Amino acid sequence: MMSKWNWIVLQLTRRLWFRSSLFAILAVITALVSIALKPFIPLSVTGVTGTDAVDQILKILASSMLAVTTFSLNVMVSAYNAASSNVTPRTTRLLVEDTTTQNVLATFIGSFLYSLVGIVALSMGAYGRQGRVILFFVTLIVIVLIVLTLLRWIQHLAQFGQMGETTQRIENVALEALTERLDNPLLGANEWKAEQLSAAQAKAVYLNEVGYVQHIDMQALADFAERHKLTIFIVQQPGSFVYPNEPALWLKSAAPEIDIEPVIAAFTVKPQRSFDQDPRFGFCVLSEVASRALSPAVNDPGTAIDVIGRSVRLLSIWNNEAGRAGVGRFSRLYMKALKPEDFFDDLFTGIARDGAGLIEVQICLQKALKALATTNPQAFSLPAQHHSLQAFARAEKALLTEHDRQRLKKFIG
């Protein structure tokens, strides 16, 4: 499990400014290295064709990179707005964290700063004849890098922010989160089964914030439990909405005077949910995409059918040992197991409600539920049957013709 500080560092590296800052620093260093290396350049090579024109090349690069950077930022903002209005606002974060976009923007900003520093140094006479040689060849490398980046950027823009590409991003992050959770179903803890705790048995710990749990430092909780020789029952998992009057966890056999600040610090609470430790969030966002597509203003049942297919593909990786990994790595920590019905609720409730009057969506939904129940009867048969009946009950009232009702009824059971 990732510690809290490692998780914070990971979040920082995903920020748009992080790569741009690194490339900018590298660009400045690259432009100044030519000054330090000029004593090692023989005078015999100072007459290389083009070295006298390096200042003009740098001016062209500086002006063009500033324009290209501004254009790229406008394209990014347009893509964010399009995804927010056409898909769902929850996808904007995925576009902001897109590595290709960040690398492209960082390359353009770095090239601009490289040119700017080079022009200033040339104006000061810091390079001399020998330094111009190094600067010239480095500039040629920068130009090649810019051309390759532009070609990659053009290809990326052909699909950046579109419905299909954005939905695929959601599926990818949902798959990654679910896979990690199935591989480590209880985040290293033991399964908390039917045992109920009360204030007489254990001490409740409350968080002082209102928001969603984005990350839990399980190692910090395990160290705390081992240090004080107590057992921790974790109530709120990543993705849970917490507030001060709801226990986040219980400390069993804890001394009344124990300092619980390290326990509270192990929880990271933010206003929005995160895709990382919260596999259900990706499924909720997929359901939002389908619901928006089924709204009268959009009227796009094909996207809802696409989301249903992606949902089946995601849930097909479920294994029946999820949440039941025996003795966890942290012997003093306990957590509730994952429930398949929670994922079904996240995915299919909204689609069944908003697509109740569309026969093609209802048939696809019934086929998907049957496929899941057949694929994994032990985990999915009950929730699939429940959602199948609920969806049919909604459709019976919303479908306009008896023919469609009878047609849908063939897929029940």
Protein backbone atom coordinates (compact mmCIF):
# COMPACT_ATOMS: atom_id res chain seq x y z
CA MET A 1 0.00 0.00 0.00
CA MET A 2 1.13 3.51 -0.78
CA SER A 3 1.90 5.76 2.19
CA LYS A 4 0.23 9.13 2.51
CA TRP A 5 3.35 11.08 1.54
CA ASN A 6 3.97 8.89 -1.51
CA TRP A 7 0.36 9.38 -2.50
CA ILE A 8 0.69 13.18 -2.15
CA VAL A 9 3.83 13.14 -4.31
CA LEU A 10 1.98 11.07 -6.92
CA GLN A 11 -0.84 13.62 -7.00
CA LEU A 12 1.67 16.44 -7.48
CA THR A 13 3.34 14.71 -10.42
CA ARG A 14 -0.05 14.54 -12.15
CA ARG A 15 -0.53 18.30 -11.99
CA LEU A 16 -0.31 20.21 -15.26
CA TRP A 17 2.40 22.55 -13.98
CA PHE A 18 4.74 19.79 -12.78
CA ARG A 19 6.08 18.58 -16.14
CA SER A 20 6.05 22.08 -17.54
CA SER A 21 8.23 23.23 -14.65
CA LEU A 22 10.67 20.34 -15.14
CA PHE A 23 10.98 21.00 -18.87
CA ALA A 24 11.40 24.73 -18.24
CA ILE A 25 14.24 24.15 -15.77
CA LEU A 26 15.87 21.69 -18.18
CA ALA A 27 15.57 24.21 -21.00
CA VAL A 28 17.25 26.96 -19.01
CA ILE A 29 20.05 24.61 -17.95
CA THR A 30 20.53 23.46 -21.54
CA ALA A 31 20.84 27.03 -22.79
CA LEU A 32 23.41 27.89 -20.11
CA VAL A 33 25.46 24.71 -20.57
CA SER A 34 26.72 26.07 -23.89
CA ILE A 35 28.45 28.87 -21.99
CA ALA A 36 30.21 26.42 -19.67
CA LEU A 37 31.32 24.13 -22.50
CA LYS A 38 32.63 26.76 -24.91
CA PRO A 39 36.28 26.49 -23.70
CA PHE A 40 36.30 22.87 -24.91
CA ILE A 41 35.34 23.76 -28.51
CA PRO A 42 38.29 24.15 -30.92
CA LEU A 43 38.50 27.43 -32.79
CA SER A 44 38.73 25.49 -36.05
CA VAL A 45 35.01 24.58 -35.92
CA THR A 46 33.72 28.05 -35.19
CA GLY A 47 33.15 28.71 -38.87
CA VAL A 48 30.43 26.09 -39.23
CA THR A 49 27.74 27.29 -41.61
CA GLY A 50 24.70 28.58 -39.75
CA THR A 51 26.26 29.44 -36.43
CA ASP A 52 26.07 33.15 -37.20
CA ALA A 53 22.33 32.85 -37.78
CA VAL A 54 21.58 31.11 -34.47
CA ASP A 55 20.24 34.33 -32.92
CA GLN A 56 17.70 34.68 -35.74
CA ILE A 57 16.68 31.04 -35.35
CA LEU A 58 16.17 31.53 -31.62
CA LYS A 59 14.00 34.61 -32.23
CA ILE A 60 11.81 32.64 -34.62
CA LEU A 61 11.53 29.80 -32.10
CA ALA A 62 10.64 32.15 -29.26
CA SER A 63 7.83 33.89 -31.16
CA SER A 64 6.43 30.69 -32.70
CA MET A 65 6.54 28.67 -29.46
CA LEU A 66 4.68 31.41 -27.62
CA ALA A 67 1.94 31.31 -30.26
CA VAL A 68 1.80 27.50 -30.33
CA THR A 69 1.64 27.32 -26.52
CA THR A 70 -1.25 29.80 -26.45
CA PHE A 71 -3.06 27.83 -29.18
CA SER A 72 -2.51 24.54 -27.31
CA LEU A 73 -3.92 26.00 -24.11
CA ASN A 74 -7.03 27.16 -26.00
CA VAL A 75 -7.45 23.67 -27.48
CA MET A 76 -7.09 22.08 -24.04
CA VAL A 77 -9.67 24.38 -22.48
CA SER A 78 -12.07 23.68 -25.36
CA ALA A 79 -11.59 19.93 -24.91
CA TYR A 80 -12.21 20.23 -21.16
CA ASN A 81 -15.40 22.21 -21.74
CA ALA A 82 -16.59 19.77 -24.39
CA ALA A 83 -16.00 16.76 -22.14
CA SER A 84 -17.66 18.51 -19.22
CA SER A 85 -20.81 19.38 -21.19
CA ASN A 86 -21.07 16.33 -23.46
CA VAL A 87 -19.76 13.53 -21.23
CA THR A 88 -19.65 14.48 -17.54
CA PRO A 89 -17.70 17.06 -15.48
CA ARG A 90 -16.01 14.20 -13.59
CA THR A 91 -13.95 13.39 -16.70
CA THR A 92 -12.19 16.76 -16.77
CA ARG A 93 -9.62 15.55 -14.27
CA LEU A 94 -8.72 12.64 -16.54
CA LEU A 95 -8.08 15.03 -19.42
CA VAL A 96 -6.02 17.36 -17.25
CA GLU A 97 -3.84 14.42 -16.17
CA ASP A 98 -3.34 13.21 -19.76
CA THR A 99 0.41 12.59 -20.12
CA THR A 100 0.54 13.34 -23.85
CA THR A 101 -1.02 16.75 -23.38
CA GLN A 102 1.26 17.54 -20.46
CA ASN A 103 4.36 16.48 -22.39
CA VAL A 104 3.37 18.55 -25.42
CA LEU A 105 2.68 21.66 -23.39
CA ALA A 106 5.89 21.16 -21.39
CA THR A 107 7.91 20.82 -24.62
CA PHE A 108 6.50 24.04 -26.06
CA ILE A 109 7.06 26.01 -22.86
CA GLY A 110 10.56 24.56 -22.44
CA SER A 111 11.45 25.45 -26.06
CA PHE A 112 10.18 28.99 -25.55
CA LEU A 113 12.27 29.47 -22.41
CA TYR A 114 15.31 27.88 -24.06
CA SER A 115 15.04 30.36 -26.93
CA LEU A 116 14.49 33.27 -24.57
CA VAL A 117 17.52 32.46 -22.41
CA GLY A 118 19.64 31.89 -25.52
CA ILE A 119 18.66 35.28 -26.95
CA VAL A 120 19.46 37.07 -23.68
CA ALA A 121 22.83 35.30 -23.37
CA LEU A 122 23.72 36.11 -26.99
CA SER A 123 22.85 39.75 -26.45
CA MET A 124 25.23 39.82 -23.48
CA GLY A 125 28.00 38.23 -25.53
CA ALA A 126 28.25 35.31 -23.12
CA TYR A 127 28.63 32.61 -25.77
CA GLY A 128 31.38 33.89 -28.04
CA ARG A 129 32.26 32.10 -31.28
CA GLN A 130 32.77 28.72 -29.64
CA GLY A 131 29.60 28.88 -27.57
CA ARG A 132 27.59 29.70 -30.70
CA VAL A 133 28.65 26.35 -32.19
CA ILE A 134 27.22 24.41 -29.25
CA LEU A 135 24.11 26.57 -29.17
CA PHE A 136 23.56 26.01 -32.89
CA PHE A 137 23.65 22.21 -32.68
CA VAL A 138 21.52 22.14 -29.53
CA THR A 139 19.01 24.38 -31.30
CA LEU A 140 18.85 21.90 -34.20
CA ILE A 141 18.04 19.13 -31.71
CA VAL A 142 15.34 21.32 -30.16
CA ILE A 143 13.81 21.96 -33.58
CA VAL A 144 13.66 18.21 -34.31
CA LEU A 145 12.02 17.65 -30.91
CA ILE A 146 9.45 20.37 -31.63
CA VAL A 147 8.58 18.90 -35.03
CA LEU A 148 8.08 15.41 -33.56
CA THR A 149 5.98 16.86 -30.76
CA LEU A 150 3.82 18.81 -33.20
CA LEU A 151 3.16 15.70 -35.28
CA ARG A 152 2.20 13.77 -32.15
CA TRP A 153 0.02 16.65 -30.96
CA ILE A 154 -1.86 16.82 -34.28
CA GLN A 155 -2.59 13.09 -34.06
CA HIS A 156 -3.69 13.43 -30.44
CA LEU A 157 -6.01 16.34 -31.19
CA ALA A 158 -7.96 14.21 -33.68
CA GLN A 159 -9.61 12.39 -30.77
CA PHE A 160 -8.81 14.39 -27.63
CA GLY A 161 -11.95 15.11 -25.62
CA GLN A 162 -14.33 13.19 -27.89
CA MET A 163 -17.06 11.02 -26.41
CA GLY A 164 -15.60 7.63 -27.33
CA GLU A 165 -12.06 8.51 -26.31
CA THR A 166 -13.15 10.06 -23.01
CA THR A 167 -15.39 7.10 -22.17
CA GLN A 168 -12.44 4.80 -22.87
CA ARG A 169 -10.38 6.79 -20.37
CA ILE A 170 -13.07 6.26 -17.74
CA GLU A 171 -13.13 2.54 -18.45
CA ASN A 172 -9.34 2.36 -18.19
CA VAL A 173 -9.12 4.07 -14.81
CA ALA A 174 -12.08 2.04 -13.51
CA LEU A 175 -10.39 -1.17 -14.68
CA GLU A 176 -7.10 -0.18 -13.07
CA ALA A 177 -8.74 0.69 -9.75
CA LEU A 178 -10.87 -2.47 -9.72
CA THR A 179 -7.92 -4.70 -10.65
CA GLU A 180 -5.79 -3.24 -7.87
CA ARG A 181 -8.63 -3.66 -5.40
CA LEU A 182 -9.29 -7.26 -6.40
CA ASP A 183 -5.58 -8.02 -6.07
CA ASN A 184 -5.59 -6.36 -2.64
CA PRO A 185 -9.28 -6.52 -1.70
CA LEU A 186 -9.08 -5.22 1.85
CA LEU A 187 -6.05 -2.94 1.38
CA GLY A 188 -4.00 -5.33 3.48
CA ALA A 189 -6.52 -5.63 6.33
CA ASN A 190 -8.58 -8.64 7.47
CA GLU A 191 -12.22 -9.14 6.65
CA TRP A 192 -14.59 -7.53 9.14
CA LYS A 193 -17.51 -9.94 9.17
CA ALA A 194 -20.65 -9.89 11.29
CA GLU A 195 -19.11 -8.52 14.47
CA GLN A 196 -20.82 -5.34 15.61
CA LEU A 197 -19.12 -2.80 17.81
CA SER A 198 -20.55 -0.33 20.25
CA ALA A 199 -19.23 2.45 22.44
CA ALA A 200 -19.03 -0.01 25.33
CA GLN A 201 -16.69 -2.31 23.38
CA ALA A 202 -14.53 0.15 21.47
CA LYS A 203 -13.70 3.81 21.05
CA ALA A 204 -15.10 5.60 18.01
CA VAL A 205 -12.86 7.97 16.06
CA TYR A 206 -14.45 10.81 14.10
CA LEU A 207 -12.95 12.92 11.35
CA ASN A 208 -13.25 16.68 11.63
CA GLU A 209 -13.83 17.23 7.91
CA VAL A 210 -16.76 16.92 5.54
CA GLY A 211 -15.99 15.32 2.21
CA TYR A 212 -14.91 12.09 0.53
CA VAL A 213 -12.14 9.79 1.68
CA GLN A 214 -9.57 9.76 -1.11
CA HIS A 215 -6.78 7.80 0.54
CA ILE A 216 -6.11 5.77 3.69
CA ASP A 217 -2.55 5.23 4.89
CA MET A 218 -2.95 1.62 5.99
CA GLN A 219 0.68 1.31 7.05
CA ALA A 220 0.29 4.26 9.43
CA LEU A 221 -2.84 2.69 10.95
CA ALA A 222 -1.06 -0.67 11.30
CA ASP A 223 1.93 0.96 13.02
CA PHE A 224 -0.40 2.82 15.39
CA ALA A 225 -2.30 -0.37 16.23
CA GLU A 226 0.91 -2.29 16.84
CA ARG A 227 2.40 0.46 18.94
CA HIS A 228 -0.64 0.65 21.24
CA LYS A 229 -1.54 -3.06 21.08
CA LEU A 230 -5.09 -2.52 19.87
CA THR A 231 -7.36 -3.55 17.00
CA ILE A 232 -8.72 -1.08 14.44
CA PHE A 233 -12.01 -1.60 12.61
CA ILE A 234 -12.15 0.69 9.58
CA VAL A 235 -15.68 1.89 8.82
CA GLN A 236 -15.12 4.46 6.07
CA GLN A 237 -13.36 3.18 2.96
CA PRO A 238 -11.97 5.27 0.08
CA GLY A 239 -14.93 6.85 -1.66
CA SER A 240 -17.06 7.10 1.49
CA PHE A 241 -18.67 10.43 2.37
CA VAL A 242 -17.62 11.40 5.88
CA TYR A 243 -18.73 14.05 8.35
CA PRO A 244 -17.90 14.75 12.01
CA ASN A 245 -20.83 12.81 13.53
CA GLU A 246 -20.13 9.53 11.70
CA PRO A 247 -17.38 7.21 13.03
CA ALA A 248 -14.49 6.70 10.62
CA LEU A 249 -13.15 3.73 12.57
CA TRP A 250 -13.27 1.96 15.94
CA LEU A 251 -10.36 1.36 18.29
CA LYS A 252 -10.88 -1.80 20.30
CA SER A 253 -9.10 -2.16 23.66
CA ALA A 254 -7.85 1.40 23.47
CA ALA A 255 -6.89 3.41 26.54
CA PRO A 256 -9.15 6.44 27.15
CA GLU A 257 -6.22 8.88 27.13
CA ILE A 258 -4.70 7.64 23.87
CA ASP A 259 -3.74 10.29 21.29
CA ILE A 260 -5.80 9.63 18.15
CA GLU A 261 -4.31 12.38 15.96
CA PRO A 262 -2.05 9.92 14.03
CA VAL A 263 -5.15 7.89 13.21
CA ILE A 264 -7.03 10.92 11.91
CA ALA A 265 -3.98 12.00 9.88
CA ALA A 266 -3.99 8.64 8.08
CA PHE A 267 -7.21 9.67 6.29
CA THR A 268 -7.09 12.10 3.36
CA VAL A 269 -10.45 13.81 2.90
CA LYS A 270 -11.19 16.04 -0.09
CA PRO A 271 -14.32 17.67 -1.56
CA GLN A 272 -14.34 15.28 -4.56
CA ARG A 273 -13.88 11.55 -4.98
CA SER A 274 -10.73 10.10 -6.51
CA PHE A 275 -10.26 7.23 -8.95
CA ASP A 276 -7.18 5.81 -7.20
CA GLN A 277 -8.28 3.75 -4.18
CA ASP A 278 -11.98 4.02 -5.00
CA PRO A 279 -12.99 1.47 -7.66
CA ARG A 280 -16.68 2.36 -7.40
CA PHE A 281 -16.10 5.94 -8.53
CA GLY A 282 -15.20 4.91 -12.08
CA PHE A 283 -18.44 2.91 -12.28
CA CYS A 284 -20.44 5.89 -11.01
CA VAL A 285 -18.90 8.13 -13.68
CA LEU A 286 -19.72 5.59 -16.40
CA SER A 287 -23.31 5.56 -15.19
CA GLU A 288 -23.35 9.37 -15.35
CA VAL A 289 -22.21 9.23 -18.97
CA ALA A 290 -25.09 6.89 -19.83
CA SER A 291 -27.64 8.95 -17.92
CA ARG A 292 -26.61 12.15 -19.67
CA ALA A 293 -26.80 10.41 -23.04
CA LEU A 294 -30.33 9.24 -22.21
CA SER A 295 -31.58 12.71 -21.27
CA PRO A 296 -34.16 14.23 -23.67
CA ALA A 297 -31.75 17.05 -24.51
CA VAL A 298 -29.08 14.62 -25.78
CA ASN A 299 -31.16 11.58 -26.83
CA ASP A 300 -28.19 9.30 -27.53
CA PRO A 301 -29.15 5.72 -26.57
CA GLY A 302 -26.12 4.39 -28.46
CA THR A 303 -23.77 5.83 -25.84
CA ALA A 304 -25.82 4.22 -23.06
CA ILE A 305 -25.62 0.86 -24.84
CA ASP A 306 -21.85 1.37 -25.20
CA VAL A 307 -21.58 2.02 -21.45
CA ILE A 308 -23.54 -1.16 -20.70
CA GLY A 309 -21.08 -3.16 -22.79
CA ARG A 310 -18.13 -1.55 -21.01
CA SER A 311 -19.75 -2.38 -17.67
CA VAL A 312 -19.99 -6.07 -18.53
CA ARG A 313 -16.37 -6.05 -19.65
CA LEU A 314 -15.25 -4.43 -16.40
CA LEU A 315 -17.24 -6.68 -14.06
CA SER A 316 -16.17 -9.82 -15.92
CA ILE A 317 -12.78 -9.65 -14.15
CA TRP A 318 -14.45 -10.08 -10.75
CA ASN A 319 -13.24 -13.07 -8.77
CA ASN A 320 -15.14 -14.72 -5.97
CA GLU A 321 -12.28 -14.26 -3.52
CA ALA A 322 -12.62 -10.47 -3.62
CA GLY A 323 -12.72 -9.21 -0.09
CA ARG A 324 -11.89 -12.64 1.35
CA ALA A 325 -8.14 -12.89 1.24
CA GLY A 326 -7.80 -14.67 4.57
CA VAL A 327 -5.29 -13.16 6.98
CA GLY A 328 -4.20 -9.75 5.71
CA ARG A 329 -0.77 -8.21 5.89
CA PHE A 330 -1.94 -5.95 8.72
CA SER A 331 -3.15 -8.37 11.37
CA ARG A 332 -4.64 -5.67 13.63
CA LEU A 333 -6.72 -3.95 10.93
CA TYR A 334 -10.23 -5.02 9.85
CA MET A 335 -12.39 -3.77 6.98
CA LYS A 336 -15.67 -4.73 5.33
CA ALA A 337 -15.46 -6.74 2.09
CA LEU A 338 -16.41 -5.47 -1.34
CA LYS A 339 -20.01 -6.17 -2.32
CA PRO A 340 -20.96 -6.92 -5.94
CA GLU A 341 -24.40 -5.39 -5.42
CA ASP A 342 -22.79 -2.00 -4.71
CA PHE A 343 -21.22 -2.00 -8.17
CA PHE A 344 -24.53 -3.05 -9.74
CA ASP A 345 -26.27 -0.18 -7.94
CA ASP A 346 -23.63 2.30 -9.13
CA LEU A 347 -23.87 1.15 -12.74
CA PHE A 348 -27.34 0.00 -13.60
CA THR A 349 -29.80 1.92 -11.43
CA GLY A 350 -29.44 5.19 -13.35
CA ILE A 351 -29.47 3.48 -16.74
CA ALA A 352 -32.62 1.52 -15.90
CA ARG A 353 -34.34 4.68 -14.67
CA ASP A 354 -33.36 7.07 -17.46
CA GLY A 355 -33.68 4.49 -20.24
CA ALA A 356 -36.94 2.98 -19.06
CA GLY A 357 -38.87 4.13 -22.12
CA LEU A 358 -36.30 2.95 -24.71
CA ILE A 359 -36.77 -0.65 -25.74
CA GLU A 360 -33.29 -0.99 -27.28
CA VAL A 361 -31.62 0.16 -24.05
CA GLN A 362 -33.80 -2.12 -21.91
CA ILE A 363 -33.08 -5.17 -24.05
CA CYS A 364 -29.33 -4.46 -23.94
CA LEU A 365 -29.51 -4.01 -20.17
CA GLN A 366 -31.35 -7.31 -19.67
CA LYS A 367 -28.83 -9.11 -21.88
CA ALA A 368 -25.95 -7.59 -19.90
CA LEU A 369 -27.41 -8.63 -16.56
CA LYS A 370 -27.99 -12.15 -17.85
CA ALA A 371 -24.43 -12.30 -19.18
CA LEU A 372 -23.02 -11.26 -15.80
CA ALA A 373 -25.18 -13.75 -13.92
CA THR A 374 -24.03 -16.49 -16.26
CA THR A 375 -20.37 -15.49 -16.10
CA ASN A 376 -20.18 -15.47 -12.32
CA PRO A 377 -23.31 -16.99 -10.72
CA GLN A 378 -21.86 -17.03 -7.22
CA ALA A 379 -21.22 -13.29 -7.10
CA PHE A 380 -23.68 -11.83 -9.60
CA SER A 381 -26.80 -13.99 -9.78
CA LEU A 382 -28.68 -12.26 -6.94
CA PRO A 383 -27.83 -8.62 -7.80
CA ALA A 384 -28.40 -9.32 -11.49
CA GLN A 385 -31.83 -10.81 -10.81
CA HIS A 386 -32.73 -7.89 -8.55
CA HIS A 387 -31.77 -5.26 -11.12
CA SER A 388 -33.40 -7.22 -13.92
CA LEU A 389 -36.76 -7.18 -12.14
CA GLN A 390 -36.38 -3.53 -11.12
CA ALA A 391 -35.53 -2.49 -14.67
CA PHE A 392 -38.49 -4.42 -16.07
CA ALA A 393 -40.83 -2.85 -13.52
CA ARG A 394 -39.72 0.63 -14.61
CA ALA A 395 -39.93 -0.28 -18.30
CA GLU A 396 -43.47 -1.68 -17.97
CA LYS A 397 -44.69 1.75 -16.92
CA ALA A 398 -42.58 3.75 -19.38
CA LEU A 399 -42.84 1.74 -22.60
CA LEU A 400 -45.60 3.05 -24.85
CA THR A 401 -46.75 -0.12 -26.58
CA GLU A 402 -47.76 -3.57 -25.40
CA HIS A 403 -45.65 -5.04 -28.19
CA ASP A 404 -42.48 -3.60 -26.64
CA ARG A 405 -43.47 -4.85 -23.20
CA GLN A 406 -44.01 -8.40 -24.46
CA ARG A 407 -40.80 -8.22 -26.44
CA LEU A 408 -38.84 -7.19 -23.33
CA LYS A 409 -40.52 -9.80 -21.18
CA LYS A 410 -38.85 -12.55 -23.23
CA PHE A 411 -35.49 -11.51 -21.81
CA ILE A 412 -36.56 -11.75 -18.15
CA GLY A 413 -35.55 -14.79 -16.13
